[in-house]
Amino acid sequence: MLSKSKYIRGTNCPKSLWLYVHKRDQQVISETTRAIFDRGTSVGELAQEYFPFGEENRKKISSTKGAGNQASLSSRLSFHKIKPFLSSE
């Protein structure tokens, strides 16, 4: 599946996209980068606790799709003028 992240990666550097898709298991991630990823994961999990309706939206969208289609929805917590809001992609 082509995500927004993969699309941007491919437009920035096609070789980076190819390596990400075909050799992902061989990439080396530093401890610092792993810590950043882990922090992002924990923030995302916390956001899902504060905004649990994201899962309900995902189920509603997937139920409206055709039998052969897979629905994909990601929720991101954003801040606009100091007020938090949730955007669904």
N, C-alpha and C. Protein backbone atom coordinates (compact mmCIF):
# COMPACT_ATOMS: atom_id res chain seq x y z
N MET A 1 0.84 -1.18 0.00
CA MET A 1 0.00 0.00 0.00
C MET A 1 0.89 1.24 0.00
N LEU A 2 0.51 2.21 -0.77
CA LEU A 2 1.27 3.45 -0.85
C LEU A 2 0.70 4.44 0.16
N SER A 3 1.52 4.82 1.12
CA SER A 3 1.10 5.79 2.13
C SER A 3 1.68 7.15 1.76
N LYS A 4 1.24 8.17 2.49
CA LYS A 4 1.77 9.51 2.27
C LYS A 4 3.27 9.53 2.56
N SER A 5 3.69 8.83 3.59
CA SER A 5 5.11 8.79 3.94
C SER A 5 5.94 8.15 2.84
N LYS A 6 5.44 7.05 2.28
CA LYS A 6 6.17 6.38 1.20
C LYS A 6 6.20 7.25 -0.05
N TYR A 7 5.11 7.93 -0.34
CA TYR A 7 5.07 8.81 -1.51
C TYR A 7 6.12 9.92 -1.38
N ILE A 8 6.16 10.54 -0.22
CA ILE A 8 7.13 11.63 0.01
C ILE A 8 8.55 11.08 -0.05
N ARG A 9 8.78 9.92 0.54
CA ARG A 9 10.10 9.30 0.49
C ARG A 9 10.50 9.07 -0.96
N GLY A 10 9.58 8.57 -1.79
CA GLY A 10 9.87 8.30 -3.19
C GLY A 10 10.12 9.55 -4.01
N THR A 11 9.41 10.63 -3.70
CA THR A 11 9.65 11.87 -4.45
C THR A 11 10.97 12.51 -4.04
N ASN A 12 11.34 12.35 -2.78
CA ASN A 12 12.63 12.90 -2.32
C ASN A 12 13.80 12.08 -2.82
N CYS A 13 13.67 10.75 -2.81
CA CYS A 13 14.78 9.89 -3.21
C CYS A 13 14.22 8.51 -3.60
N PRO A 14 14.09 8.24 -4.90
CA PRO A 14 13.54 6.95 -5.33
C PRO A 14 14.31 5.76 -4.78
N LYS A 15 15.63 5.88 -4.65
CA LYS A 15 16.42 4.77 -4.12
C LYS A 15 16.06 4.50 -2.66
N SER A 16 15.82 5.56 -1.90
CA SER A 16 15.42 5.40 -0.51
C SER A 16 14.11 4.64 -0.40
N LEU A 17 13.15 4.94 -1.28
CA LEU A 17 11.88 4.22 -1.27
C LEU A 17 12.10 2.75 -1.61
N TRP A 18 12.92 2.47 -2.63
CA TRP A 18 13.17 1.08 -3.01
C TRP A 18 13.80 0.31 -1.86
N LEU A 19 14.80 0.90 -1.21
CA LEU A 19 15.44 0.24 -0.08
C LEU A 19 14.46 0.03 1.07
N TYR A 20 13.62 1.02 1.32
CA TYR A 20 12.64 0.93 2.40
C TYR A 20 11.65 -0.21 2.15
N VAL A 21 11.22 -0.38 0.91
CA VAL A 21 10.23 -1.41 0.58
C VAL A 21 10.87 -2.80 0.48
N HIS A 22 12.04 -2.90 -0.17
CA HIS A 22 12.61 -4.21 -0.48
C HIS A 22 13.69 -4.69 0.50
N LYS A 23 14.31 -3.80 1.23
CA LYS A 23 15.41 -4.19 2.14
C LYS A 23 15.19 -3.64 3.55
N ARG A 24 13.94 -3.47 3.93
CA ARG A 24 13.63 -2.85 5.21
C ARG A 24 14.23 -3.62 6.39
N ASP A 25 14.26 -4.95 6.29
CA ASP A 25 14.76 -5.76 7.39
C ASP A 25 16.27 -5.63 7.57
N GLN A 26 16.97 -5.05 6.59
CA GLN A 26 18.42 -4.92 6.67
C GLN A 26 18.88 -3.53 7.14
N GLN A 27 17.93 -2.61 7.35
CA GLN A 27 18.35 -1.28 7.75
C GLN A 27 18.84 -1.27 9.20
N VAL A 28 19.82 -0.44 9.46
CA VAL A 28 20.41 -0.31 10.79
C VAL A 28 19.89 0.99 11.40
N ILE A 29 19.31 0.86 12.59
CA ILE A 29 18.75 2.03 13.28
C ILE A 29 19.54 2.26 14.55
N SER A 30 20.05 3.48 14.70
CA SER A 30 20.86 3.80 15.88
C SER A 30 19.98 3.83 17.13
N GLU A 31 20.62 3.77 18.29
CA GLU A 31 19.88 3.80 19.55
C GLU A 31 19.15 5.13 19.72
N THR A 32 19.77 6.20 19.27
CA THR A 32 19.14 7.53 19.37
C THR A 32 17.88 7.58 18.52
N THR A 33 17.97 7.11 17.29
CA THR A 33 16.81 7.09 16.41
C THR A 33 15.74 6.18 16.96
N ARG A 34 16.11 5.01 17.48
CA ARG A 34 15.15 4.08 18.08
C ARG A 34 14.43 4.74 19.25
N ALA A 35 15.15 5.52 20.05
CA ALA A 35 14.53 6.22 21.19
C ALA A 35 13.50 7.24 20.69
N ILE A 36 13.81 7.93 19.61
CA ILE A 36 12.87 8.90 19.03
C ILE A 36 11.62 8.18 18.53
N PHE A 37 11.81 7.04 17.83
CA PHE A 37 10.68 6.26 17.35
C PHE A 37 9.81 5.79 18.51
N ASP A 38 10.45 5.29 19.57
CA ASP A 38 9.71 4.79 20.73
C ASP A 38 8.92 5.90 21.40
N ARG A 39 9.52 7.10 21.49
CA ARG A 39 8.82 8.24 22.08
C ARG A 39 7.60 8.59 21.23
N GLY A 40 7.76 8.59 19.91
CA GLY A 40 6.64 8.88 19.03
C GLY A 40 5.53 7.85 19.16
N THR A 41 5.90 6.59 19.32
CA THR A 41 4.91 5.53 19.50
C THR A 41 4.14 5.74 20.79
N SER A 42 4.83 6.07 21.87
CA SER A 42 4.15 6.26 23.15
C SER A 42 3.24 7.49 23.11
N VAL A 43 3.64 8.54 22.39
CA VAL A 43 2.78 9.72 22.25
C VAL A 43 1.53 9.34 21.45
N GLY A 44 1.71 8.56 20.40
CA GLY A 44 0.56 8.11 19.60
C GLY A 44 -0.40 7.26 20.40
N GLU A 45 0.13 6.37 21.22
CA GLU A 45 -0.73 5.53 22.07
C GLU A 45 -1.48 6.38 23.08
N LEU A 46 -0.81 7.38 23.64
CA LEU A 46 -1.47 8.27 24.59
C LEU A 46 -2.58 9.06 23.90
N ALA A 47 -2.32 9.52 22.68
CA ALA A 47 -3.34 10.26 21.93
C ALA A 47 -4.55 9.37 21.66
N GLN A 48 -4.32 8.08 21.39
CA GLN A 48 -5.44 7.17 21.16
C GLN A 48 -6.26 6.97 22.42
N GLU A 49 -5.63 7.06 23.59
CA GLU A 49 -6.37 6.96 24.84
C GLU A 49 -7.25 8.19 25.05
N TYR A 50 -6.73 9.37 24.69
CA TYR A 50 -7.48 10.60 24.85
C TYR A 50 -8.58 10.74 23.79
N PHE A 51 -8.36 10.18 22.61
CA PHE A 51 -9.30 10.29 21.50
C PHE A 51 -9.65 8.90 20.98
N PRO A 52 -10.39 8.12 21.75
CA PRO A 52 -10.67 6.74 21.37
C PRO A 52 -11.62 6.61 20.18
N PHE A 53 -12.30 7.69 19.79
CA PHE A 53 -13.25 7.61 18.69
C PHE A 53 -12.58 7.37 17.35
N GLY A 54 -11.27 7.45 17.27
CA GLY A 54 -10.57 7.16 16.02
C GLY A 54 -10.82 5.74 15.56
N GLU A 55 -10.87 4.79 16.47
CA GLU A 55 -11.13 3.39 16.12
C GLU A 55 -12.56 3.23 15.60
N GLU A 56 -13.51 3.95 16.18
CA GLU A 56 -14.89 3.89 15.70
C GLU A 56 -14.97 4.39 14.26
N ASN A 57 -14.27 5.48 13.96
CA ASN A 57 -14.26 6.02 12.60
C ASN A 57 -13.64 5.02 11.64
N ARG A 58 -12.58 4.36 12.05
CA ARG A 58 -11.92 3.36 11.20
C ARG A 58 -12.89 2.23 10.87
N LYS A 59 -13.66 1.78 11.87
CA LYS A 59 -14.63 0.70 11.63
C LYS A 59 -15.74 1.15 10.69
N LYS A 60 -16.22 2.38 10.87
CA LYS A 60 -17.28 2.90 10.00
C LYS A 60 -16.79 2.99 8.56
N ILE A 61 -15.59 3.48 8.37
CA ILE A 61 -15.07 3.64 7.02
C ILE A 61 -14.85 2.28 6.37
N SER A 62 -14.29 1.33 7.12
CA SER A 62 -14.04 0.01 6.54
C SER A 62 -15.35 -0.70 6.20
N SER A 63 -16.41 -0.43 6.95
CA SER A 63 -17.69 -1.08 6.65
C SER A 63 -18.34 -0.50 5.41
N THR A 64 -17.96 0.70 5.00
CA THR A 64 -18.54 1.31 3.80
C THR A 64 -17.76 0.98 2.54
N LYS A 65 -16.60 0.40 2.68
CA LYS A 65 -15.78 0.06 1.52
C LYS A 65 -16.30 -1.21 0.88
N GLY A 66 -15.95 -1.41 -0.39
CA GLY A 66 -16.33 -2.62 -1.10
C GLY A 66 -15.66 -3.84 -0.49
N ALA A 67 -16.13 -5.00 -0.82
CA ALA A 67 -15.63 -6.23 -0.21
C ALA A 67 -14.15 -6.44 -0.44
N GLY A 68 -13.63 -6.04 -1.58
CA GLY A 68 -12.23 -6.28 -1.89
C GLY A 68 -11.29 -5.18 -1.44
N ASN A 69 -11.82 -4.08 -0.95
CA ASN A 69 -10.98 -2.94 -0.57
C ASN A 69 -10.63 -2.98 0.90
N GLN A 70 -9.45 -2.53 1.23
CA GLN A 70 -9.03 -2.42 2.62
C GLN A 70 -9.01 -0.94 2.98
N ALA A 71 -9.69 -0.59 4.04
CA ALA A 71 -9.71 0.81 4.47
C ALA A 71 -8.49 1.10 5.31
N SER A 72 -7.95 2.26 5.14
CA SER A 72 -6.80 2.67 5.93
C SER A 72 -7.06 4.06 6.46
N LEU A 73 -6.96 4.22 7.74
CA LEU A 73 -7.21 5.52 8.36
C LEU A 73 -6.21 5.71 9.47
N SER A 74 -5.55 6.84 9.46
CA SER A 74 -4.64 7.13 10.57
C SER A 74 -5.06 8.45 11.18
N SER A 75 -5.04 8.52 12.47
CA SER A 75 -5.41 9.73 13.18
C SER A 75 -4.15 10.36 13.73
N ARG A 76 -4.07 11.65 13.59
CA ARG A 76 -2.90 12.37 14.08
C ARG A 76 -3.38 13.53 14.94
N LEU A 77 -2.78 13.64 16.09
CA LEU A 77 -3.08 14.75 16.97
C LEU A 77 -2.26 15.94 16.51
N SER A 78 -2.92 17.06 16.27
CA SER A 78 -2.24 18.26 15.80
C SER A 78 -2.59 19.42 16.71
N PHE A 79 -1.79 20.46 16.65
CA PHE A 79 -2.05 21.65 17.43
C PHE A 79 -2.12 22.84 16.49
N HIS A 80 -3.23 23.54 16.56
CA HIS A 80 -3.44 24.70 15.72
C HIS A 80 -3.80 25.86 16.63
N LYS A 81 -2.94 26.84 16.68
CA LYS A 81 -3.16 28.01 17.53
C LYS A 81 -3.42 27.60 18.97
N ILE A 82 -2.61 26.67 19.47
CA ILE A 82 -2.60 26.18 20.85
C ILE A 82 -3.79 25.29 21.19
N LYS A 83 -4.74 25.13 20.28
CA LYS A 83 -5.90 24.27 20.56
C LYS A 83 -5.66 22.92 19.87
N PRO A 84 -5.69 21.83 20.62
CA PRO A 84 -5.48 20.51 19.99
C PRO A 84 -6.70 20.11 19.16
N PHE A 85 -6.43 19.46 18.04
CA PHE A 85 -7.50 18.89 17.25
C PHE A 85 -7.00 17.61 16.62
N LEU A 86 -7.92 16.75 16.25
CA LEU A 86 -7.58 15.45 15.69
C LEU A 86 -7.92 15.46 14.22
N SER A 87 -6.95 15.11 13.39
CA SER A 87 -7.22 15.02 11.95
C SER A 87 -7.12 13.58 11.52
N SER A 88 -7.99 13.17 10.63
CA SER A 88 -7.96 11.80 10.11
C SER A 88 -7.50 11.86 8.67
N GLU A 89 -6.60 10.94 8.32
CA GLU A 89 -6.11 10.88 6.96
C GLU A 89 -6.58 9.61 6.33
